[in-house]
């Protein structure tokens, strides 16, 4: 179709006006979309700021099925009943090897682990964790039905069952055996996945040797009257320290440094809550025993009630923590450096 000059002019004016309207509409739409995105970014920023001010939604805590978890039983109960004031999520494992990968990946914030494992993790992560308290002192006992074990030297030629390869029980046992003149080929260590397995073995064979922490040592004794505590390994440790006796440090609490930097107030709050929980368990072992059974740590309340006073549950922080833990790790490092990750941790390991 041929368009005349006037028609062409009218066509361009008419359609140019429409095009201008469309262009104006597009510009207005862009402006509106930009405004919406800007508002969304402000709202998200405010949300993040509010979250940072209020702290994490929940502090993720990992612990082992044993004495280290006894000290947080009341805190676990508080978190169930009042999550607003006690914003914690708990995960209990049978071995440290379950917790450490989660901590490294950032799936846990705080973990209660064996003392030497904490030092080794510090080395592995190049200083990525900090110890914030000691939660358990010496809890190790050699349990057996054999009546001819009176000294450490009597363990020559014996097989000792224990849990936690590479953790505090093994490290402490090896040191005690070595300092009493036993060579590695003088005895055999047989590892089980958890303390309940060791206790079950002792029930089947009372002549076997089992290195058990509390509350499992007490539980084994109550289940089988033929068993007894042949050696208090905590006393054996202290006897080897000479003029400056030092305590065996079983468990400590560590935190990821990324979490500590971002949520220091939450870590400080946890330390207060942890101390309160430990004090409550020690003061009220009856309730603690009920909670221990509910948590699946011990099978019967009577066992837990009898064991809790012997578990050396503590919450030691600051300089006292550093003094006790560094002395313990130094002994292990001098004996076998690999037990603490190859060398002693730096000053920044201690909170």
Protein backbone atom coordinates (compact mmCIF):
# COMPACT_ATOMS: atom_id res chain seq x y z
CA UNK A 1 0.00 0.00 0.00
CA UNK A 2 1.36 3.37 -1.02
CA UNK A 3 1.20 6.09 1.57
CA UNK A 4 1.02 9.72 0.48
CA UNK A 5 3.11 12.45 2.05
CA UNK A 6 0.29 13.72 4.23
CA UNK A 7 -0.82 10.22 5.11
CA UNK A 8 2.75 9.27 5.88
CA UNK A 9 3.10 12.28 8.12
CA UNK A 10 -0.13 11.40 9.90
CA UNK A 11 0.99 7.76 10.16
CA UNK A 12 4.32 8.65 11.72
CA UNK A 13 2.77 11.18 14.08
CA UNK A 14 0.11 8.75 15.12
CA UNK A 15 2.40 5.74 15.50
CA UNK A 16 5.30 7.79 16.83
CA UNK A 17 3.02 9.05 19.58
CA UNK A 18 2.05 5.51 20.42
CA UNK A 19 5.74 4.49 20.40
CA UNK A 20 6.53 7.38 22.70
CA UNK A 21 3.80 6.25 25.03
CA UNK A 22 5.19 2.73 25.01
CA UNK A 23 8.70 3.99 25.66
CA UNK A 24 7.44 6.15 28.53
CA UNK A 25 5.61 3.14 29.90
CA UNK A 26 8.76 1.04 29.74
CA UNK A 27 10.74 3.73 31.52
CA UNK A 28 8.10 4.03 34.23
CA UNK A 29 8.09 0.26 34.68
CA UNK A 30 11.89 0.24 35.05
CA UNK A 31 11.69 3.01 37.62
CA UNK A 32 9.04 1.11 39.58
CA UNK A 33 10.99 -2.14 39.44
CA UNK A 34 14.14 -0.36 40.57
CA UNK A 35 12.28 1.19 43.47
CA UNK A 36 10.89 -2.20 44.46
CA UNK A 37 14.33 -3.82 44.36
CA UNK A 38 15.78 -0.98 46.41
CA UNK A 39 13.07 -1.40 49.04
CA UNK A 40 13.63 -5.15 49.13
CA UNK A 41 17.35 -4.66 49.64
CA UNK A 42 16.65 -2.27 52.49
CA UNK A 43 14.27 -4.74 54.11
CA UNK A 44 16.75 -7.60 53.73
CA UNK A 45 19.50 -5.45 55.11
CA UNK A 46 17.35 -4.52 58.10
CA UNK A 47 16.52 -8.19 58.59
CA UNK A 48 20.20 -9.16 58.56
CA UNK A 49 21.07 -6.32 60.88
CA UNK A 50 18.33 -7.36 63.28
CA UNK A 51 19.50 -10.97 63.14
CA UNK A 52 23.08 -9.91 63.90
CA UNK A 53 21.93 -7.79 66.79
CA UNK A 54 19.77 -10.56 68.21
CA UNK A 55 22.40 -13.24 67.67
CA UNK A 56 21.99 -16.61 65.94
CA UNK A 57 18.58 -18.26 65.85
CA UNK A 58 19.98 -21.25 67.72
CA UNK A 59 23.44 -22.25 68.85
CA UNK A 60 24.17 -25.75 67.57
CA UNK A 61 25.92 -27.86 70.23
CA UNK A 62 27.43 -31.31 69.88
CA UNK A 63 28.44 -33.61 72.73
CA UNK A 64 29.41 -37.21 73.36
CA UNK A 65 27.26 -39.90 74.90
CA UNK A 66 29.04 -39.97 78.24
CA UNK A 67 30.23 -37.75 81.09
CA UNK A 68 30.62 -34.62 78.97
CA UNK A 69 26.89 -34.67 78.21
CA UNK A 70 25.90 -35.07 81.87
CA UNK A 71 26.97 -31.51 82.59
CA UNK A 72 24.57 -30.02 80.03
CA UNK A 73 21.51 -32.11 80.93
CA UNK A 74 19.78 -29.28 82.77
CA UNK A 75 20.62 -26.88 79.94
CA UNK A 76 19.09 -29.30 77.43
CA UNK A 77 15.93 -29.37 79.53
CA UNK A 78 15.84 -25.57 79.78
CA UNK A 79 16.16 -25.33 76.00
CA UNK A 80 13.13 -27.61 75.59
CA UNK A 81 10.98 -25.68 78.04
CA UNK A 82 12.09 -22.15 77.22
CA UNK A 83 13.74 -21.92 73.77
CA UNK A 84 13.45 -18.12 73.71
CA UNK A 85 15.84 -17.73 76.65
CA UNK A 86 17.86 -20.86 75.89
CA UNK A 87 18.27 -20.87 72.08
CA UNK A 88 20.17 -24.13 71.70
CA UNK A 89 20.00 -27.20 69.48
CA UNK A 90 21.73 -30.34 70.73
CA UNK A 91 23.24 -33.31 68.95
CA UNK A 92 24.68 -36.27 70.88
CA UNK A 93 27.10 -38.73 69.27
CA UNK A 94 28.84 -41.91 70.38
CA UNK A 95 32.24 -40.83 69.06
CA UNK A 96 34.22 -37.64 68.44
CA UNK A 97 34.69 -38.65 64.81
CA UNK A 98 30.97 -37.95 64.28
CA UNK A 99 31.16 -34.42 65.67
CA UNK A 100 34.43 -33.09 64.28
CA UNK A 101 33.46 -33.09 60.57
CA UNK A 102 30.25 -31.25 61.44
CA UNK A 103 32.20 -28.65 63.37
CA UNK A 104 34.72 -28.18 60.56
CA UNK A 105 31.93 -27.81 57.95
CA UNK A 106 30.12 -25.27 60.11
CA UNK A 107 27.15 -27.52 60.90
CA UNK A 108 27.97 -27.24 64.63
CA UNK A 109 29.00 -24.12 66.54
CA UNK A 110 30.14 -25.55 69.87
CA UNK A 111 31.28 -29.06 70.78
CA UNK A 112 32.17 -30.91 73.99
CA UNK A 113 35.05 -33.22 73.08
CA UNK A 114 38.08 -35.02 74.57
CA UNK A 115 40.86 -32.64 75.57
CA UNK A 116 43.55 -33.97 73.27
CA UNK A 117 41.11 -34.14 70.34
CA UNK A 118 40.46 -30.42 70.78
CA UNK A 119 44.21 -29.72 70.60
CA UNK A 120 44.59 -31.90 67.50
CA UNK A 121 41.64 -30.18 65.80
CA UNK A 122 43.24 -26.81 66.53
CA UNK A 123 46.30 -27.94 64.56
CA UNK A 124 44.25 -29.51 61.76
CA UNK A 125 42.18 -26.37 61.23
CA UNK A 126 45.22 -24.07 61.60
CA UNK A 127 43.86 -22.43 64.71
CA UNK A 128 40.21 -22.55 63.66
CA UNK A 129 38.84 -23.47 67.10
CA UNK A 130 39.13 -22.07 70.62
CA UNK A 131 38.66 -23.92 73.90
CA UNK A 132 36.26 -22.05 76.19
CA UNK A 133 36.07 -24.33 79.24
CA UNK A 134 37.01 -27.63 80.84
CA UNK A 135 33.81 -29.62 81.33
CA UNK A 136 35.09 -32.88 82.84
CA UNK A 137 38.13 -33.86 84.89
CA UNK A 138 39.33 -37.43 85.54
CA UNK A 139 36.65 -40.11 85.13
CA UNK A 140 38.61 -43.20 84.04
CA UNK A 141 38.64 -46.51 85.89
CA UNK A 142 39.97 -49.96 85.07
CA UNK A 143 37.10 -52.37 85.71
CA UNK A 144 37.51 -56.15 85.83
CA UNK A 145 36.50 -59.31 87.66
CA UNK A 146 40.13 -60.44 87.93
CA UNK A 147 41.52 -60.20 91.44
CA UNK A 148 45.22 -60.19 90.60
CA UNK A 149 45.43 -56.59 89.33
CA UNK A 150 46.84 -54.40 92.10
CA UNK A 151 49.28 -52.19 90.22
CA UNK A 152 49.70 -50.91 86.68
CA UNK A 153 52.59 -53.32 86.20
CA UNK A 154 50.13 -56.19 86.65
CA UNK A 155 48.59 -55.27 83.29
CA UNK A 156 51.56 -56.76 81.45
CA UNK A 157 50.36 -59.42 79.02
CA UNK A 158 46.72 -58.33 79.34
CA UNK A 159 44.19 -57.11 76.76
CA UNK A 160 42.45 -53.88 77.72
CA UNK A 161 39.16 -52.93 76.07
CA UNK A 162 38.36 -49.24 75.66
CA UNK A 163 36.61 -46.70 73.45
CA UNK A 164 37.81 -43.71 71.50
CA UNK A 165 40.93 -44.53 69.54
CA UNK A 166 43.10 -41.41 69.49
CA UNK A 167 41.14 -39.70 72.26
CA UNK A 168 41.76 -38.86 75.93
CA UNK A 169 41.17 -42.37 77.40
CA UNK A 170 43.69 -43.97 75.07
CA UNK A 171 46.20 -41.13 75.42
CA UNK A 172 46.04 -41.16 79.21
CA UNK A 173 46.20 -44.96 79.42
CA UNK A 174 49.25 -45.17 77.14
CA UNK A 175 51.05 -42.52 79.17
CA UNK A 176 50.32 -44.29 82.47
CA UNK A 177 51.41 -47.67 81.10
CA UNK A 178 54.61 -46.20 79.67
CA UNK A 179 55.52 -44.37 82.87
CA UNK A 180 55.08 -47.62 84.79
CA UNK A 181 57.61 -49.43 82.61
CA UNK A 182 55.33 -51.22 80.13
CA UNK A 183 56.31 -51.29 76.47
CA UNK A 184 53.69 -51.24 73.68
CA UNK A 185 54.26 -54.96 73.02
CA UNK A 186 53.64 -55.77 76.69
CA UNK A 187 49.88 -55.29 76.34
CA UNK A 188 47.10 -55.18 73.77
CA UNK A 189 44.40 -52.54 73.30
CA UNK A 190 41.07 -53.61 71.88
CA UNK A 191 38.76 -50.82 70.75
CA UNK A 192 34.97 -50.74 70.97
CA UNK A 193 32.59 -48.24 69.43
CA UNK A 194 31.10 -47.10 72.74
CA UNK A 195 31.41 -47.63 76.49
CA UNK A 196 28.25 -49.76 76.61
CA UNK A 197 30.05 -52.33 74.43
CA UNK A 198 32.92 -52.53 76.90
CA UNK A 199 30.47 -52.96 79.77
CA UNK A 200 28.64 -55.71 77.86
CA UNK A 201 31.94 -57.53 77.27
CA UNK A 202 32.78 -57.39 80.98
CA UNK A 203 29.35 -58.79 81.80
CA UNK A 204 30.07 -61.81 79.54
CA UNK A 205 33.67 -62.24 80.63
CA UNK A 206 34.49 -60.90 84.11
CA UNK A 207 38.19 -61.72 83.61
CA UNK A 208 38.40 -59.16 80.81
CA UNK A 209 39.87 -55.70 81.41
CA UNK A 210 37.82 -52.63 80.58
CA UNK A 211 38.83 -48.97 80.74
CA UNK A 212 35.57 -47.19 81.46
CA UNK A 213 34.64 -43.60 82.22
CA UNK A 214 31.88 -42.70 84.60
CA UNK A 215 28.93 -43.22 84.56
CA UNK A 216 29.63 -46.44 82.65
CA UNK A 217 32.05 -47.77 85.27
CA UNK A 218 29.38 -47.54 87.97
CA UNK A 219 26.77 -49.02 85.64
CA UNK A 220 29.01 -52.04 84.94
CA UNK A 221 29.55 -52.63 88.67
CA UNK A 222 25.84 -52.47 89.41
CA UNK A 223 25.04 -54.93 86.64
CA UNK A 224 27.61 -57.51 87.71
CA UNK A 225 28.61 -58.06 91.32
CA UNK A 226 31.72 -59.98 90.22
CA UNK A 227 33.27 -56.81 88.82
CA UNK A 228 35.27 -54.25 90.76
CA UNK A 229 37.44 -51.20 90.15
CA UNK A 230 41.00 -52.50 90.05
CA UNK A 231 42.70 -49.17 89.30
CA UNK A 232 41.62 -45.55 89.59
CA UNK A 233 43.42 -44.14 86.55
CA UNK A 234 42.91 -40.56 87.75
CA UNK A 235 44.86 -41.34 90.92
CA UNK A 236 47.50 -43.11 88.83
CA UNK A 237 47.88 -40.00 86.65
CA UNK A 238 48.24 -37.64 89.59
CA UNK A 239 50.80 -39.93 91.26
CA UNK A 240 53.03 -39.61 88.21
CA UNK A 241 53.08 -35.81 88.32
CA UNK A 242 55.50 -35.62 91.27
CA UNK A 243 55.78 -32.42 93.30
CA UNK A 244 53.32 -30.52 91.10
CA UNK A 245 50.40 -32.91 90.68
CA UNK A 246 48.13 -32.08 87.79
CA UNK A 247 44.62 -33.30 87.09
CA UNK A 248 43.68 -35.49 84.20
CA UNK A 249 41.50 -33.37 81.91
CA UNK A 250 38.95 -35.58 80.20
CA UNK A 251 36.67 -33.18 78.31
CA UNK A 252 36.71 -29.60 77.09
CA UNK A 253 34.33 -27.34 75.22
CA UNK A 254 35.43 -25.75 71.95
CA UNK A 255 33.88 -23.21 69.59
CA UNK A 256 34.44 -22.45 65.91
CA UNK A 257 36.36 -19.19 65.67
CA UNK A 258 34.11 -17.93 62.87
CA UNK A 259 31.14 -18.32 65.18
CA UNK A 260 33.03 -16.79 68.11
CA UNK A 261 33.89 -13.68 66.09
CA UNK A 262 30.34 -13.18 64.86
CA UNK A 263 28.46 -14.17 68.04
CA UNK A 264 30.70 -13.55 71.04
CA UNK A 265 27.73 -12.62 73.23
CA UNK A 266 26.07 -15.94 72.44
CA UNK A 267 29.24 -17.79 73.47
CA UNK A 268 29.43 -15.82 76.72
CA UNK A 269 25.77 -16.64 77.41
CA UNK A 270 26.45 -20.32 76.78
CA UNK A 271 29.30 -20.30 79.30
CA UNK A 272 26.97 -18.90 81.96
CA UNK A 273 24.26 -21.43 81.11
CA UNK A 274 26.79 -24.27 81.07
CA UNK A 275 28.10 -23.33 84.52
CA UNK A 276 24.54 -23.17 85.88
CA UNK A 277 23.72 -26.57 84.38
CA UNK A 278 26.83 -28.24 85.84
CA UNK A 279 26.06 -26.78 89.27
CA UNK A 280 22.46 -28.01 89.02
CA UNK A 281 23.47 -31.58 88.07
CA UNK A 282 26.01 -31.79 90.89
CA UNK A 283 23.52 -30.36 93.42
CA UNK A 284 20.58 -32.49 92.30
CA UNK A 285 21.80 -35.89 91.05
CA UNK A 286 18.29 -37.32 91.48
CA UNK A 287 16.87 -35.10 88.75
CA UNK A 288 20.10 -35.43 86.81
CA UNK A 289 19.67 -39.20 86.84
CA UNK A 290 16.16 -38.91 85.40
CA UNK A 291 17.45 -36.65 82.62
CA UNK A 292 20.41 -38.97 81.95
CA UNK A 293 18.06 -41.89 81.35
CA UNK A 294 15.79 -39.77 79.14
CA UNK A 295 18.82 -38.72 77.10
CA UNK A 296 19.85 -42.35 76.65
CA UNK A 297 23.23 -41.94 78.38
CA UNK A 298 22.51 -44.46 81.15
CA UNK A 299 19.92 -47.24 81.23
CA UNK A 300 18.72 -46.86 84.82
CA UNK A 301 18.26 -43.95 87.18
CA UNK A 302 19.94 -45.71 90.10
CA UNK A 303 23.11 -46.13 88.04
CA UNK A 304 23.16 -42.50 87.00
CA UNK A 305 22.45 -41.27 90.51
CA UNK A 306 25.36 -43.28 91.92
CA UNK A 307 27.72 -42.22 89.14
CA UNK A 308 27.10 -38.47 88.86
CA UNK A 309 28.99 -37.54 92.08
CA UNK A 310 32.03 -39.40 90.74
CA UNK A 311 32.02 -37.82 87.29
CA UNK A 312 34.03 -34.69 88.18
CA UNK A 313 31.67 -32.45 86.22
CA UNK A 314 33.03 -28.91 86.11
CA UNK A 315 32.93 -25.69 84.14
CA UNK A 316 36.42 -24.26 84.52
CA UNK A 317 37.21 -21.13 82.51
CA UNK A 318 39.83 -18.41 82.14
CA UNK A 319 43.32 -18.69 83.61
CA UNK A 320 42.41 -21.72 85.72
CA UNK A 321 41.30 -23.54 82.58
CA UNK A 322 44.46 -22.57 80.71
CA UNK A 323 46.73 -23.64 83.56
CA UNK A 324 45.14 -27.08 84.03
CA UNK A 325 44.66 -27.87 80.34
CA UNK A 326 48.06 -26.67 79.16
CA UNK A 327 49.77 -28.74 81.87
CA UNK A 328 47.82 -31.85 80.83
CA UNK A 329 48.54 -31.35 77.12
CA UNK A 330 52.22 -30.72 77.83
CA UNK A 331 52.52 -34.11 79.52
CA UNK A 332 50.87 -35.82 76.54
CA UNK A 333 52.96 -33.89 74.00
CA UNK A 334 56.21 -34.84 75.70
CA UNK A 335 55.12 -38.46 75.74
CA UNK A 336 53.76 -38.61 72.17
CA UNK A 337 53.28 -35.39 70.20
CA UNK A 338 50.80 -36.98 67.77
CA UNK A 339 48.30 -37.30 70.61
CA UNK A 340 47.84 -33.51 70.57
CA UNK A 341 48.18 -32.96 66.83
CA UNK A 342 51.97 -32.91 66.55
CA UNK A 343 52.73 -30.00 68.83
CA UNK A 344 51.20 -27.92 71.61
CA UNK A 345 48.54 -25.39 70.60
CA UNK A 346 49.31 -21.70 70.64
CA UNK A 347 48.16 -19.08 73.11
CA UNK A 348 45.15 -18.29 70.93
CA UNK A 349 43.79 -21.77 71.66
CA UNK A 350 42.68 -20.61 75.10
CA UNK A 351 39.73 -18.24 75.51
